Amino acid sequence: MRMRTGSCLCGAVAYRVEGEPLRVGLCHCADCRKSSGSAFVFFAVWPRRAFSHSGEIATFAGRSFCPACGSRLFCLQEETTEIRLGSLDDPPTDLVPDHEVWIKRREPWLPQLPSAGQFGEDAD
């Protein structure tokens, strides 16, 4: 079974996730843009049971991060964990987004991904 590891910038928080994600996406919503300081967030969702972490985390509005360096890492939900893929130790070159959410807020200079489902808001 595939295992991926990740951590924050300073290394105080580390995590691992087993298996393949349930979905991979880009989010263009205002919250993701603000919290990441970027035009979108690249994320993937795994079953909660496939995820574990070590180190102290802080959480704001459901988003967990390292309280020492501020790296945003994951969102822990009861059944799933959403991981910010930029925090993986190895580049996630094999993970291709299968959906884009909040495309009504996507930058006009950023083209849609042709192989990804397009959703004006959340995909739920």
PDB file of N, CA and C in Angstrom:
ATOM      1  N   MET A   1       0.850  -1.179   0.000  1.00  0.00           N
ATOM      2  CA  MET A   1       0.000   0.000   0.000  1.00  0.00           C
ATOM      3  C   MET A   1       0.897   1.245   0.000  1.00  0.00           C
ATOM      4  N   ARG A   2       0.561   2.185  -0.826  1.00  0.00           N
ATOM      5  CA  ARG A   2       1.325   3.429  -0.957  1.00  0.00           C
ATOM      6  C   ARG A   2       1.256   4.244   0.323  1.00  0.00           C
ATOM      7  N   MET A   3       2.387   4.772   0.766  1.00  0.00           N
ATOM      8  CA  MET A   3       2.418   5.663   1.924  1.00  0.00           C
ATOM      9  C   MET A   3       3.066   6.970   1.511  1.00  0.00           C
ATOM     10  N   ARG A   4       2.453   8.063   1.907  1.00  0.00           N
ATOM     11  CA  ARG A   4       3.003   9.393   1.658  1.00  0.00           C
ATOM     12  C   ARG A   4       3.215  10.064   3.007  1.00  0.00           C
ATOM     13  N   THR A   5       4.275  10.876   3.070  1.00  0.00           N
ATOM     14  CA  THR A   5       4.554  11.622   4.291  1.00  0.00           C
ATOM     15  C   THR A   5       4.636  13.103   3.959  1.00  0.00           C
ATOM     16  N   GLY A   6       4.393  13.905   4.979  1.00  0.00           N
ATOM     17  CA  GLY A   6       4.464  15.346   4.810  1.00  0.00           C
ATOM     18  C   GLY A   6       4.801  16.011   6.124  1.00  0.00           C
ATOM     19  N   SER A   7       5.061  17.296   6.063  1.00  0.00           N
ATOM     20  CA  SER A   7       5.394  18.039   7.272  1.00  0.00           C
ATOM     21  C   SER A   7       5.238  19.532   7.017  1.00  0.00           C
ATOM     22  N   CYS A   8       5.355  20.271   8.113  1.00  0.00           N
ATOM     23  CA  CYS A   8       5.328  21.725   8.020  1.00  0.00           C
ATOM     24  C   CYS A   8       6.727  22.236   7.658  1.00  0.00           C
ATOM     25  N   LEU A   9       6.838  23.514   7.455  1.00  0.00           N
ATOM     26  CA  LEU A   9       8.105  24.125   7.061  1.00  0.00           C
ATOM     27  C   LEU A   9       9.201  23.918   8.101  1.00  0.00           C
ATOM     28  N   CYS A  10       8.872  24.031   9.380  1.00  0.00           N
ATOM     29  CA  CYS A  10       9.897  23.903  10.429  1.00  0.00           C
ATOM     30  C   CYS A  10      10.110  22.469  10.893  1.00  0.00           C
ATOM     31  N   GLY A  11       9.229  21.540  10.497  1.00  0.00           N
ATOM     32  CA  GLY A  11       9.376  20.131  10.865  1.00  0.00           C
ATOM     33  C   GLY A  11       8.754  19.740  12.191  1.00  0.00           C
ATOM     34  N   ALA A  12       8.099  20.657  12.885  1.00  0.00           N
ATOM     35  CA  ALA A  12       7.493  20.355  14.180  1.00  0.00           C
ATOM     36  C   ALA A  12       6.261  19.458  14.060  1.00  0.00           C
ATOM     37  N   VAL A  13       5.572  19.510  12.925  1.00  0.00           N
ATOM     38  CA  VAL A  13       4.401  18.672  12.678  1.00  0.00           C
ATOM     39  C   VAL A  13       4.703  17.795  11.473  1.00  0.00           C
ATOM     40  N   ALA A  14       4.466  16.512  11.629  1.00  0.00           N
ATOM     41  CA  ALA A  14       4.658  15.560  10.534  1.00  0.00           C
ATOM     42  C   ALA A  14       3.392  14.716  10.414  1.00  0.00           C
ATOM     43  N   TYR A  15       3.159  14.186   9.233  1.00  0.00           N
ATOM     44  CA  TYR A  15       2.000  13.322   9.039  1.00  0.00           C
ATOM     45  C   TYR A  15       2.314  12.254   8.008  1.00  0.00           C
ATOM     46  N   ARG A  16       1.439  11.255   7.976  1.00  0.00           N
ATOM     47  CA  ARG A  16       1.518  10.221   6.948  1.00  0.00           C
ATOM     48  C   ARG A  16       0.106   9.825   6.559  1.00  0.00           C
ATOM     49  N   VAL A  17      -0.012   9.404   5.321  1.00  0.00           N
ATOM     50  CA  VAL A  17      -1.308   8.965   4.817  1.00  0.00           C
ATOM     51  C   VAL A  17      -1.066   7.742   3.946  1.00  0.00           C
ATOM     52  N   GLU A  18      -1.920   6.746   4.086  1.00  0.00           N
ATOM     53  CA  GLU A  18      -1.766   5.484   3.363  1.00  0.00           C
ATOM     54  C   GLU A  18      -2.818   5.353   2.272  1.00  0.00           C
ATOM     55  N   GLY A  19      -2.424   4.718   1.176  1.00  0.00           N
ATOM     56  CA  GLY A  19      -3.345   4.451   0.082  1.00  0.00           C
ATOM     57  C   GLY A  19      -3.486   5.620  -0.865  1.00  0.00           C
ATOM     58  N   GLU A  20      -4.444   5.488  -1.745  1.00  0.00           N
ATOM     59  CA  GLU A  20      -4.688   6.522  -2.741  1.00  0.00           C
ATOM     60  C   GLU A  20      -5.832   7.426  -2.281  1.00  0.00           C
ATOM     61  N   PRO A  21      -5.822   8.677  -2.704  1.00  0.00           N
ATOM     62  CA  PRO A  21      -6.879   9.600  -2.284  1.00  0.00           C
ATOM     63  C   PRO A  21      -8.234   9.261  -2.901  1.00  0.00           C
ATOM     64  N   LEU A  22      -9.270   9.699  -2.216  1.00  0.00           N
ATOM     65  CA  LEU A  22     -10.629   9.555  -2.729  1.00  0.00           C
ATOM     66  C   LEU A  22     -10.877  10.521  -3.881  1.00  0.00           C
ATOM     67  N   ARG A  23     -10.281  11.703  -3.776  1.00  0.00           N
ATOM     68  CA  ARG A  23     -10.393  12.709  -4.836  1.00  0.00           C
ATOM     69  C   ARG A  23      -9.239  13.703  -4.702  1.00  0.00           C
ATOM     70  N   VAL A  24      -8.948  14.344  -5.822  1.00  0.00           N
ATOM     71  CA  VAL A  24      -7.875  15.339  -5.903  1.00  0.00           C
ATOM     72  C   VAL A  24      -8.463  16.566  -6.571  1.00  0.00           C
ATOM     73  N   GLY A  25      -8.178  17.738  -6.046  1.00  0.00           N
ATOM     74  CA  GLY A  25      -8.794  18.909  -6.645  1.00  0.00           C
ATOM     75  C   GLY A  25      -8.035  20.198  -6.454  1.00  0.00           C
ATOM     76  N   LEU A  26      -8.588  21.212  -7.097  1.00  0.00           N
ATOM     77  CA  LEU A  26      -8.158  22.589  -6.916  1.00  0.00           C
ATOM     78  C   LEU A  26      -9.349  23.344  -6.372  1.00  0.00           C
ATOM     79  N   CYS A  27      -9.097  24.232  -5.404  1.00  0.00           N
ATOM     80  CA  CYS A  27     -10.170  25.065  -4.872  1.00  0.00           C
ATOM     81  C   CYS A  27      -9.820  26.527  -5.090  1.00  0.00           C
ATOM     82  N   HIS A  28     -10.756  27.259  -5.645  1.00  0.00           N
ATOM     83  CA  HIS A  28     -10.573  28.675  -5.951  1.00  0.00           C
ATOM     84  C   HIS A  28     -11.384  29.574  -5.011  1.00  0.00           C
ATOM     85  N   CYS A  29     -11.925  29.025  -3.901  1.00  0.00           N
ATOM     86  CA  CYS A  29     -12.785  29.832  -3.023  1.00  0.00           C
ATOM     87  C   CYS A  29     -11.981  30.916  -2.304  1.00  0.00           C
ATOM     88  N   ALA A  30     -12.694  31.904  -1.819  1.00  0.00           N
ATOM     89  CA  ALA A  30     -12.049  33.032  -1.148  1.00  0.00           C
ATOM     90  C   ALA A  30     -11.304  32.598   0.114  1.00  0.00           C
ATOM     91  N   ASP A  31     -11.858  31.657   0.883  1.00  0.00           N
ATOM     92  CA  ASP A  31     -11.187  31.197   2.095  1.00  0.00           C
ATOM     93  C   ASP A  31      -9.858  30.509   1.773  1.00  0.00           C
ATOM     94  N   CYS A  32      -9.854  29.641   0.777  1.00  0.00           N
ATOM     95  CA  CYS A  32      -8.612  28.952   0.397  1.00  0.00           C
ATOM     96  C   CYS A  32      -7.580  29.938  -0.154  1.00  0.00           C
ATOM     97  N   ARG A  33      -8.049  30.887  -0.934  1.00  0.00           N
ATOM     98  CA  ARG A  33      -7.127  31.890  -1.475  1.00  0.00           C
ATOM     99  C   ARG A  33      -6.497  32.702  -0.354  1.00  0.00           C
ATOM    100  N   LYS A  34      -7.305  33.153   0.585  1.00  0.00           N
ATOM    101  CA  LYS A  34      -6.788  33.956   1.706  1.00  0.00           C
ATOM    102  C   LYS A  34      -5.838  33.157   2.581  1.00  0.00           C
ATOM    103  N   SER A  35      -6.244  31.938   2.943  1.00  0.00           N
ATOM    104  CA  SER A  35      -5.432  31.156   3.872  1.00  0.00           C
ATOM    105  C   SER A  35      -4.136  30.648   3.244  1.00  0.00           C
ATOM    106  N   SER A  36      -4.121  30.514   1.915  1.00  0.00           N
ATOM    107  CA  SER A  36      -2.903  30.030   1.251  1.00  0.00           C
ATOM    108  C   SER A  36      -2.040  31.166   0.707  1.00  0.00           C
ATOM    109  N   GLY A  37      -2.647  32.337   0.501  1.00  0.00           N
ATOM    110  CA  GLY A  37      -1.904  33.437  -0.108  1.00  0.00           C
ATOM    111  C   GLY A  37      -1.640  33.187  -1.582  1.00  0.00           C
ATOM    112  N   SER A  38      -2.448  32.334  -2.202  1.00  0.00           N
ATOM    113  CA  SER A  38      -2.263  31.968  -3.604  1.00  0.00           C
ATOM    114  C   SER A  38      -3.603  32.041  -4.337  1.00  0.00           C
ATOM    115  N   ALA A  39      -3.580  31.819  -5.641  1.00  0.00           N
ATOM    116  CA  ALA A  39      -4.786  31.900  -6.458  1.00  0.00           C
ATOM    117  C   ALA A  39      -5.707  30.697  -6.280  1.00  0.00           C
ATOM    118  N   PHE A  40      -5.179  29.589  -5.756  1.00  0.00           N
ATOM    119  CA  PHE A  40      -5.978  28.385  -5.518  1.00  0.00           C
ATOM    120  C   PHE A  40      -5.213  27.467  -4.572  1.00  0.00           C
ATOM    121  N   VAL A  41      -5.897  26.433  -4.092  1.00  0.00           N
ATOM    122  CA  VAL A  41      -5.284  25.410  -3.243  1.00  0.00           C
ATOM    123  C   VAL A  41      -5.367  24.081  -3.975  1.00  0.00           C
ATOM    124  N   PHE A  42      -4.263  23.337  -3.968  1.00  0.00           N
ATOM    125  CA  PHE A  42      -4.157  21.991  -4.530  1.00  0.00           C
ATOM    126  C   PHE A  42      -4.276  21.027  -3.358  1.00  0.00           C
ATOM    127  N   PHE A  43      -5.316  20.197  -3.363  1.00  0.00           N
ATOM    128  CA  PHE A  43      -5.597  19.337  -2.211  1.00  0.00           C
ATOM    129  C   PHE A  43      -6.030  17.949  -2.637  1.00  0.00           C
ATOM    130  N   ALA A  44      -6.015  17.019  -1.695  1.00  0.00           N
ATOM    131  CA  ALA A  44      -6.565  15.682  -1.907  1.00  0.00           C
ATOM    132  C   ALA A  44      -7.220  15.223  -0.616  1.00  0.00           C
ATOM    133  N   VAL A  45      -8.200  14.345  -0.756  1.00  0.00           N
ATOM    134  CA  VAL A  45      -8.976  13.849   0.376  1.00  0.00           C
ATOM    135  C   VAL A  45      -8.759  12.346   0.517  1.00  0.00           C
ATOM    136  N   TRP A  46      -8.453  11.932   1.750  1.00  0.00           N
ATOM    137  CA  TRP A  46      -8.279  10.522   2.094  1.00  0.00           C
ATOM    138  C   TRP A  46      -9.265  10.152   3.201  1.00  0.00           C
ATOM    139  N   PRO A  47      -9.573   8.857   3.353  1.00  0.00           N
ATOM    140  CA  PRO A  47     -10.353   8.444   4.526  1.00  0.00           C
ATOM    141  C   PRO A  47      -9.591   8.808   5.798  1.00  0.00           C
ATOM    142  N   ARG A  48     -10.289   9.226   6.813  1.00  0.00           N
ATOM    143  CA  ARG A  48      -9.665   9.652   8.075  1.00  0.00           C
ATOM    144  C   ARG A  48      -8.807   8.541   8.676  1.00  0.00           C
ATOM    145  N   ARG A  49      -9.247   7.303   8.550  1.00  0.00           N
ATOM    146  CA  ARG A  49      -8.515   6.169   9.127  1.00  0.00           C
ATOM    147  C   ARG A  49      -7.157   5.949   8.463  1.00  0.00           C
ATOM    148  N   ALA A  50      -6.936   6.511   7.275  1.00  0.00           N
ATOM    149  CA  ALA A  50      -5.665   6.343   6.560  1.00  0.00           C
ATOM    150  C   ALA A  50      -4.624   7.388   6.970  1.00  0.00           C
ATOM    151  N   PHE A  51      -5.007   8.317   7.838  1.00  0.00           N
ATOM    152  CA  PHE A  51      -4.171   9.468   8.187  1.00  0.00           C
ATOM    153  C   PHE A  51      -3.733   9.430   9.646  1.00  0.00           C
ATOM    154  N   SER A  52      -2.487   9.843   9.907  1.00  0.00           N
ATOM    155  CA  SER A  52      -2.019  10.052  11.275  1.00  0.00           C
ATOM    156  C   SER A  52      -1.019  11.202  11.274  1.00  0.00           C
ATOM    157  N   HIS A  53      -0.873  11.851  12.421  1.00  0.00           N
ATOM    158  CA  HIS A  53       0.084  12.953  12.508  1.00  0.00           C
ATOM    159  C   HIS A  53       0.749  12.983  13.881  1.00  0.00           C
ATOM    160  N   SER A  54       1.866  13.679  13.951  1.00  0.00           N
ATOM    161  CA  SER A  54       2.555  13.888  15.216  1.00  0.00           C
ATOM    162  C   SER A  54       2.908  15.361  15.324  1.00  0.00           C
ATOM    163  N   GLY A  55       3.057  15.819  16.546  1.00  0.00           N
ATOM    164  CA  GLY A  55       3.367  17.222  16.785  1.00  0.00           C
ATOM    165  C   GLY A  55       2.113  18.009  17.104  1.00  0.00           C
ATOM    166  N   GLU A  56       2.300  19.125  17.751  1.00  0.00           N
ATOM    167  CA  GLU A  56       1.192  19.981  18.155  1.00  0.00           C
ATOM    168  C   GLU A  56       0.672  20.768  16.956  1.00  0.00           C
ATOM    169  N   ILE A  57      -0.650  20.768  16.795  1.00  0.00           N
ATOM    170  CA  ILE A  57      -1.275  21.550  15.733  1.00  0.00           C
ATOM    171  C   ILE A  57      -2.206  22.585  16.347  1.00  0.00           C
ATOM    172  N   ALA A  58      -2.464  23.613  15.611  1.00  0.00           N
ATOM    173  CA  ALA A  58      -3.490  24.596  15.938  1.00  0.00           C
ATOM    174  C   ALA A  58      -4.522  24.512  14.824  1.00  0.00           C
ATOM    175  N   THR A  59      -5.760  24.886  15.135  1.00  0.00           N
ATOM    176  CA  THR A  59      -6.825  24.811  14.140  1.00  0.00           C
ATOM    177  C   THR A  59      -7.641  26.091  14.176  1.00  0.00           C
ATOM    178  N   PHE A  60      -7.912  26.610  12.987  1.00  0.00           N
ATOM    179  CA  PHE A  60      -8.775  27.777  12.833  1.00  0.00           C
ATOM    180  C   PHE A  60      -9.763  27.479  11.724  1.00  0.00           C
ATOM    181  N   ALA A  61     -11.036  27.599  12.011  1.00  0.00           N
ATOM    182  CA  ALA A  61     -12.099  27.365  11.024  1.00  0.00           C
ATOM    183  C   ALA A  61     -11.935  26.014  10.321  1.00  0.00           C
ATOM    184  N   GLY A  62     -11.541  24.988  11.086  1.00  0.00           N
ATOM    185  CA  GLY A  62     -11.408  23.647  10.533  1.00  0.00           C
ATOM    186  C   GLY A  62     -10.102  23.371   9.812  1.00  0.00           C
ATOM    187  N   ARG A  63      -9.239  24.365   9.710  1.00  0.00           N
ATOM    188  CA  ARG A  63      -7.971  24.210   9.001  1.00  0.00           C
ATOM    189  C   ARG A  63      -6.836  24.093  10.010  1.00  0.00           C
ATOM    190  N   SER A  64      -6.110  22.974   9.965  1.00  0.00           N
ATOM    191  CA  SER A  64      -5.031  22.737  10.918  1.00  0.00           C
ATOM    192  C   SER A  64      -3.697  23.178  10.347  1.00  0.00           C
ATOM    193  N   PHE A  65      -2.867  23.730  11.233  1.00  0.00           N
ATOM    194  CA  PHE A  65      -1.577  24.275  10.827  1.00  0.00           C
ATOM    195  C   PHE A  65      -0.590  24.163  11.974  1.00  0.00           C
ATOM    196  N   CYS A  66       0.677  24.375  11.672  1.00  0.00           N
ATOM    197  CA  CYS A  66       1.721  24.356  12.685  1.00  0.00           C
ATOM    198  C   CYS A  66       1.701  25.691  13.429  1.00  0.00           C
ATOM    199  N   PRO A  67       1.589  25.663  14.762  1.00  0.00           N
ATOM    200  CA  PRO A  67       1.574  26.925  15.497  1.00  0.00           C
ATOM    201  C   PRO A  67       2.943  27.614  15.532  1.00  0.00           C
ATOM    202  N   ALA A  68       4.012  26.882  15.239  1.00  0.00           N
ATOM    203  CA  ALA A  68       5.354  27.483  15.246  1.00  0.00           C
ATOM    204  C   ALA A  68       5.652  28.237  13.956  1.00  0.00           C
ATOM    205  N   CYS A  69       5.447  27.592  12.808  1.00  0.00           N
ATOM    206  CA  CYS A  69       5.815  28.227  11.530  1.00  0.00           C
ATOM    207  C   CYS A  69       4.607  28.690  10.716  1.00  0.00           C
ATOM    208  N   GLY A  70       3.400  28.252  11.081  1.00  0.00           N
ATOM    209  CA  GLY A  70       2.187  28.696  10.398  1.00  0.00           C
ATOM    210  C   GLY A  70       1.825  27.916   9.147  1.00  0.00           C
ATOM    211  N   SER A  71       2.583  26.878   8.808  1.00  0.00           N
ATOM    212  CA  SER A  71       2.266  26.098   7.600  1.00  0.00           C
ATOM    213  C   SER A  71       0.887  25.470   7.713  1.00  0.00           C
ATOM    214  N   ARG A  72       0.057  25.708   6.705  1.00  0.00           N
ATOM    215  CA  ARG A  72      -1.266  25.093   6.649  1.00  0.00           C
ATOM    216  C   ARG A  72      -1.097  23.695   6.091  1.00  0.00           C
ATOM    217  N   LEU A  73      -1.643  22.694   6.784  1.00  0.00           N
ATOM    218  CA  LEU A  73      -1.350  21.311   6.438  1.00  0.00           C
ATOM    219  C   LEU A  73      -2.553  20.475   6.029  1.00  0.00           C
ATOM    220  N   PHE A  74      -3.600  20.468   6.846  1.00  0.00           N
ATOM    221  CA  PHE A  74      -4.730  19.574   6.591  1.00  0.00           C
ATOM    222  C   PHE A  74      -5.979  20.062   7.291  1.00  0.00           C
ATOM    223  N   CYS A  75      -7.099  19.473   6.874  1.00  0.00           N
ATOM    224  CA  CYS A  75      -8.397  19.701   7.508  1.00  0.00           C
ATOM    225  C   CYS A  75      -8.899  18.341   7.974  1.00  0.00           C
ATOM    226  N   LEU A  76      -9.061  18.197   9.273  1.00  0.00           N
ATOM    227  CA  LEU A  76      -9.513  16.928   9.839  1.00  0.00           C
ATOM    228  C   LEU A  76     -11.023  16.957  10.006  1.00  0.00           C
ATOM    229  N   GLN A  77     -11.682  15.999   9.369  1.00  0.00           N
ATOM    230  CA  GLN A  77     -13.117  15.834   9.533  1.00  0.00           C
ATOM    231  C   GLN A  77     -13.356  14.459  10.148  1.00  0.00           C
ATOM    232  N   GLU A  78     -14.587  14.182  10.504  1.00  0.00           N
ATOM    233  CA  GLU A  78     -14.882  12.907  11.155  1.00  0.00           C
ATOM    234  C   GLU A  78     -14.546  11.709  10.265  1.00  0.00           C
ATOM    235  N   GLU A  79     -14.920  11.771   9.008  1.00  0.00           N
ATOM    236  CA  GLU A  79     -14.732  10.635   8.094  1.00  0.00           C
ATOM    237  C   GLU A  79     -13.560  10.794   7.130  1.00  0.00           C
ATOM    238  N   THR A  80     -13.111  12.026   6.899  1.00  0.00           N
ATOM    239  CA  THR A  80     -12.071  12.276   5.903  1.00  0.00           C
ATOM    240  C   THR A  80     -11.016  13.256   6.419  1.00  0.00           C
ATOM    241  N   THR A  81      -9.914  13.282   5.711  1.00  0.00           N
ATOM    242  CA  THR A  81      -8.858  14.265   5.946  1.00  0.00           C
ATOM    243  C   THR A  81      -8.496  14.880   4.599  1.00  0.00           C
ATOM    244  N   GLU A  82      -8.510  16.195   4.542  1.00  0.00           N
ATOM    245  CA  GLU A  82      -8.128  16.918   3.328  1.00  0.00           C
ATOM    246  C   GLU A  82      -6.716  17.470   3.539  1.00  0.00           C
ATOM    247  N   ILE A  83      -5.796  17.062   2.691  1.00  0.00           N
ATOM    248  CA  ILE A  83      -4.385  17.442   2.834  1.00  0.00           C
ATOM    249  C   ILE A  83      -4.013  18.455   1.769  1.00  0.00           C
ATOM    250  N   ARG A  84      -3.304  19.498   2.168  1.00  0.00           N
ATOM    251  CA  ARG A  84      -2.721  20.460   1.234  1.00  0.00           C
ATOM    252  C   ARG A  84      -1.501  19.786   0.629  1.00  0.00           C
ATOM    253  N   LEU A  85      -1.563  19.492  -0.646  1.00  0.00           N
ATOM    254  CA  LEU A  85      -0.546  18.650  -1.286  1.00  0.00           C
ATOM    255  C   LEU A  85       0.833  19.294  -1.361  1.00  0.00           C
ATOM    256  N   GLY A  86       0.919  20.597  -1.248  1.00  0.00           N
ATOM    257  CA  GLY A  86       2.221  21.250  -1.213  1.00  0.00           C
ATOM    258  C   GLY A  86       3.015  20.920   0.041  1.00  0.00           C
ATOM    259  N   SER A  87       2.356  20.361   1.064  1.00  0.00           N
ATOM    260  CA  SER A  87       3.056  20.006   2.301  1.00  0.00           C
ATOM    261  C   SER A  87       3.620  18.588   2.282  1.00  0.00           C
ATOM    262  N   LEU A  88       3.385  17.845   1.205  1.00  0.00           N
ATOM    263  CA  LEU A  88       3.978  16.506   1.096  1.00  0.00           C
ATOM    264  C   LEU A  88       5.494  16.602   0.978  1.00  0.00           C
ATOM    265  N   ASP A  89       6.196  15.610   1.520  1.00  0.00           N
ATOM    266  CA  ASP A  89       7.658  15.595   1.452  1.00  0.00           C
ATOM    267  C   ASP A  89       8.167  15.413   0.023  1.00  0.00           C
ATOM    268  N   ASP A  90       7.480  14.590  -0.748  1.00  0.00           N
ATOM    269  CA  ASP A  90       7.837  14.379  -2.161  1.00  0.00           C
ATOM    270  C   ASP A  90       6.785  15.059  -3.030  1.00  0.00           C
ATOM    271  N   PRO A  91       7.197  15.698  -4.103  1.00  0.00           N
ATOM    272  CA  PRO A  91       6.219  16.359  -4.978  1.00  0.00           C
ATOM    273  C   PRO A  91       5.148  15.364  -5.446  1.00  0.00           C
ATOM    274  N   PRO A  92       3.894  15.761  -5.429  1.00  0.00           N
ATOM    275  CA  PRO A  92       2.796  14.865  -5.795  1.00  0.00           C
ATOM    276  C   PRO A  92       2.572  14.796  -7.306  1.00  0.00           C
ATOM    277  N   THR A  93       3.609  14.470  -8.050  1.00  0.00           N
ATOM    278  CA  THR A  93       3.528  14.501  -9.511  1.00  0.00           C
ATOM    279  C   THR A  93       2.549  13.472 -10.086  1.00  0.00           C
ATOM    280  N   ASP A  94       2.199  12.456  -9.310  1.00  0.00           N
ATOM    281  CA  ASP A  94       1.265  11.438  -9.800  1.00  0.00           C
ATOM    282  C   ASP A  94      -0.189  11.766  -9.465  1.00  0.00           C
ATOM    283  N   LEU A  95      -0.421  12.831  -8.723  1.00  0.00           N
ATOM    284  CA  LEU A  95      -1.788  13.203  -8.354  1.00  0.00           C
ATOM    285  C   LEU A  95      -2.283  14.323  -9.266  1.00  0.00           C
ATOM    286  N   VAL A  96      -3.284  14.003 -10.050  1.00  0.00           N
ATOM    287  CA  VAL A  96      -3.830  14.944 -11.025  1.00  0.00           C
ATOM    288  C   VAL A  96      -5.243  15.327 -10.585  1.00  0.00           C
ATOM    289  N   PRO A  97      -5.553  16.609 -10.512  1.00  0.00           N
ATOM    290  CA  PRO A  97      -6.895  17.010 -10.086  1.00  0.00           C
ATOM    291  C   PRO A  97      -7.988  16.405 -10.965  1.00  0.00           C
ATOM    292  N   ASP A  98      -9.008  15.844 -10.288  1.00  0.00           N
ATOM    293  CA  ASP A  98     -10.159  15.318 -11.018  1.00  0.00           C
ATOM    294  C   ASP A  98     -11.366  16.236 -10.884  1.00  0.00           C
ATOM    295  N   HIS A  99     -11.210  17.305 -10.102  1.00  0.00           N
ATOM    296  CA  HIS A  99     -12.272  18.306 -10.037  1.00  0.00           C
ATOM    297  C   HIS A  99     -11.713  19.654  -9.583  1.00  0.00           C
ATOM    298  N   GLU A 100     -12.409  20.708 -10.010  1.00  0.00           N
ATOM    299  CA  GLU A 100     -12.110  22.071  -9.581  1.00  0.00           C
ATOM    300  C   GLU A 100     -13.385  22.619  -8.955  1.00  0.00           C
ATOM    301  N   VAL A 101     -13.233  23.202  -7.764  1.00  0.00           N
ATOM    302  CA  VAL A 101     -14.384  23.777  -7.081  1.00  0.00           C
ATOM    303  C   VAL A 101     -14.242  25.288  -6.975  1.00  0.00           C
ATOM    304  N   TRP A 102     -15.378  25.939  -6.840  1.00  0.00           N
ATOM    305  CA  TRP A 102     -15.470  27.402  -6.773  1.00  0.00           C
ATOM    306  C   TRP A 102     -14.859  28.064  -8.011  1.00  0.00           C
ATOM    307  N   ILE A 103     -15.163  27.473  -9.178  1.00  0.00           N
ATOM    308  CA  ILE A 103     -14.600  28.021 -10.421  1.00  0.00           C
ATOM    309  C   ILE A 103     -15.156  29.406 -10.735  1.00  0.00           C
ATOM    310  N   LYS A 104     -16.283  29.776 -10.121  1.00  0.00           N
ATOM    311  CA  LYS A 104     -16.797  31.125 -10.353  1.00  0.00           C
ATOM    312  C   LYS A 104     -15.838  32.176  -9.790  1.00  0.00           C
ATOM    313  N   ARG A 105     -14.874  31.747  -8.977  1.00  0.00           N
ATOM    314  CA  ARG A 105     -13.861  32.653  -8.442  1.00  0.00           C
ATOM    315  C   ARG A 105     -12.478  32.403  -9.043  1.00  0.00           C
ATOM    316  N   ARG A 106     -12.383  31.495 -10.002  1.00  0.00           N
ATOM    317  CA  ARG A 106     -11.098  31.216 -10.647  1.00  0.00           C
ATOM    318  C   ARG A 106     -10.627  32.459 -11.400  1.00  0.00           C
ATOM    319  N   GLU A 107      -9.339  32.723 -11.326  1.00  0.00           N
ATOM    320  CA  GLU A 107      -8.758  33.862 -12.046  1.00  0.00           C
ATOM    321  C   GLU A 107      -9.016  33.702 -13.542  1.00  0.00           C
ATOM    322  N   PRO A 108      -9.375  34.776 -14.244  1.00  0.00           N
ATOM    323  CA  PRO A 108      -9.687  34.664 -15.668  1.00  0.00           C
ATOM    324  C   PRO A 108      -8.492  34.242 -16.520  1.00  0.00           C
ATOM    325  N   TRP A 109      -7.288  34.462 -16.045  1.00  0.00           N
ATOM    326  CA  TRP A 109      -6.092  34.074 -16.798  1.00  0.00           C
ATOM    327  C   TRP A 109      -5.701  32.613 -16.574  1.00  0.00           C
ATOM    328  N   LEU A 110      -6.420  31.932 -15.677  1.00  0.00           N
ATOM    329  CA  LEU A 110      -6.117  30.544 -15.354  1.00  0.00           C
ATOM    330  C   LEU A 110      -7.108  29.636 -16.085  1.00  0.00           C
ATOM    331  N   PRO A 111      -6.656  28.855 -17.070  1.00  0.00           N
ATOM    332  CA  PRO A 111      -7.599  28.006 -17.807  1.00  0.00           C
ATOM    333  C   PRO A 111      -8.094  26.838 -16.963  1.00  0.00           C
ATOM    334  N   GLN A 112      -9.282  26.347 -17.296  1.00  0.00           N
ATOM    335  CA  GLN A 112      -9.810  25.181 -16.597  1.00  0.00           C
ATOM    336  C   GLN A 112      -9.005  23.944 -16.979  1.00  0.00           C
ATOM    337  N   LEU A 113      -8.981  22.974 -16.077  1.00  0.00           N
ATOM    338  CA  LEU A 113      -8.321  21.705 -16.367  1.00  0.00           C
ATOM    339  C   LEU A 113      -9.281  20.855 -17.193  1.00  0.00           C
ATOM    340  N   PRO A 114      -8.899  20.472 -18.407  1.00  0.00           N
ATOM    341  CA  PRO A 114      -9.835  19.772 -19.287  1.00  0.00           C
ATOM    342  C   PRO A 114     -10.292  18.413 -18.751  1.00  0.00           C
ATOM    343  N   SER A 115      -9.477  17.739 -17.936  1.00  0.00           N
ATOM    344  CA  SER A 115      -9.857  16.415 -17.435  1.00  0.00           C
ATOM    345  C   SER A 115     -10.557  16.463 -16.081  1.00  0.00           C
ATOM    346  N   ALA A 116     -10.808  17.659 -15.545  1.00  0.00           N
ATOM    347  CA  ALA A 116     -11.401  17.794 -14.223  1.00  0.00           C
ATOM    348  C   ALA A 116     -12.845  18.279 -14.305  1.00  0.00           C
ATOM    349  N   GLY A 117     -13.684  17.723 -13.457  1.00  0.00           N
ATOM    350  CA  GLY A 117     -15.048  18.214 -13.347  1.00  0.00           C
ATOM    351  C   GLY A 117     -15.025  19.660 -12.857  1.00  0.00           C
ATOM    352  N   GLN A 118     -15.968  20.450 -13.308  1.00  0.00           N
ATOM    353  CA  GLN A 118     -16.018  21.871 -12.994  1.00  0.00           C
ATOM    354  C   GLN A 118     -17.250  22.160 -12.141  1.00  0.00           C
ATOM    355  N   PHE A 119     -17.042  22.831 -10.995  1.00  0.00           N
ATOM    356  CA  PHE A 119     -18.135  23.111 -10.075  1.00  0.00           C
ATOM    357  C   PHE A 119     -18.094  24.580  -9.675  1.00  0.00           C
ATOM    358  N   GLY A 120     -19.217  25.276  -9.835  1.00  0.00           N
ATOM    359  CA  GLY A 120     -19.302  26.685  -9.498  1.00  0.00           C
ATOM    360  C   GLY A 120     -18.994  26.961  -8.042  1.00  0.00           C
ATOM    361  N   GLU A 121     -19.427  26.043  -7.176  1.00  0.00           N
ATOM    362  CA  GLU A 121     -19.150  26.143  -5.741  1.00  0.00           C
ATOM    363  C   GLU A 121     -18.631  24.775  -5.294  1.00  0.00           C
ATOM    364  N   ASP A 122     -19.044  24.294  -4.123  1.00  0.00           N
ATOM    365  CA  ASP A 122     -18.566  22.995  -3.650  1.00  0.00           C
ATOM    366  C   ASP A 122     -19.099  21.854  -4.512  1.00  0.00           C
ATOM    367  N   ALA A 123     -18.358  20.762  -4.530  1.00  0.00           N
ATOM    368  CA  ALA A 123     -18.732  19.604  -5.350  1.00  0.00           C
ATOM    369  C   ALA A 123     -19.684  18.653  -4.641  1.00  0.00           C
ATOM    370  N   ASP A 124     -19.978  18.891  -3.374  1.00  0.00           N
ATOM    371  CA  ASP A 124     -20.829  17.971  -2.617  1.00  0.00           C
ATOM    372  C   ASP A 124     -22.167  17.953  -3.235  1.00  0.00           C
TER     373      ASP A 124
END
